[in-house]
Amino acid sequence: MDALLLAHSDFLLKGTSALSEFSLWLSPRLAAAHLDLQIEGEAAASPAYTSRVPVWAGGEAVVPLPSPAVALAELDRLRAPSPPAGVSPPPSLPTGEAEAPHGGRGGRRRGGGG
């Protein structure tokens, strides 16, 4: 769930995290709108890296923000999620027929010492 939320961000500050890495895979547009914070030393001072640092973080890159209308439409879409076309919710189990964890009968074990 966290990766899905990150994938909807406008800009991603990415550390050494599989979660933030996965959000890049979910949203290819973030490939041009993220900054790897784990880069250090000469690589961090290189023009290839500094050109990606946004202006609001002291760099040169101007990150385009969505228009207010686009941002509000995206918020509305996120507030009222619907299943993708052709996908229906799983059928619910009748009351009292839910499976116990680990395929057991549930409840306490009876008998036997311990």
Foldseek 3Di string as FASTA:
>chain_A
DQLCVLLPDQAEEDEPDVSVVVSCVVHVVNVLRYAYPHDDDPVCVDPVRQCSDDVVRVGNDDRDDDDPVVVVVVVVCVVDDDDPPPDDDDDDDPPPPDADPPRDPDDDDDDDDD
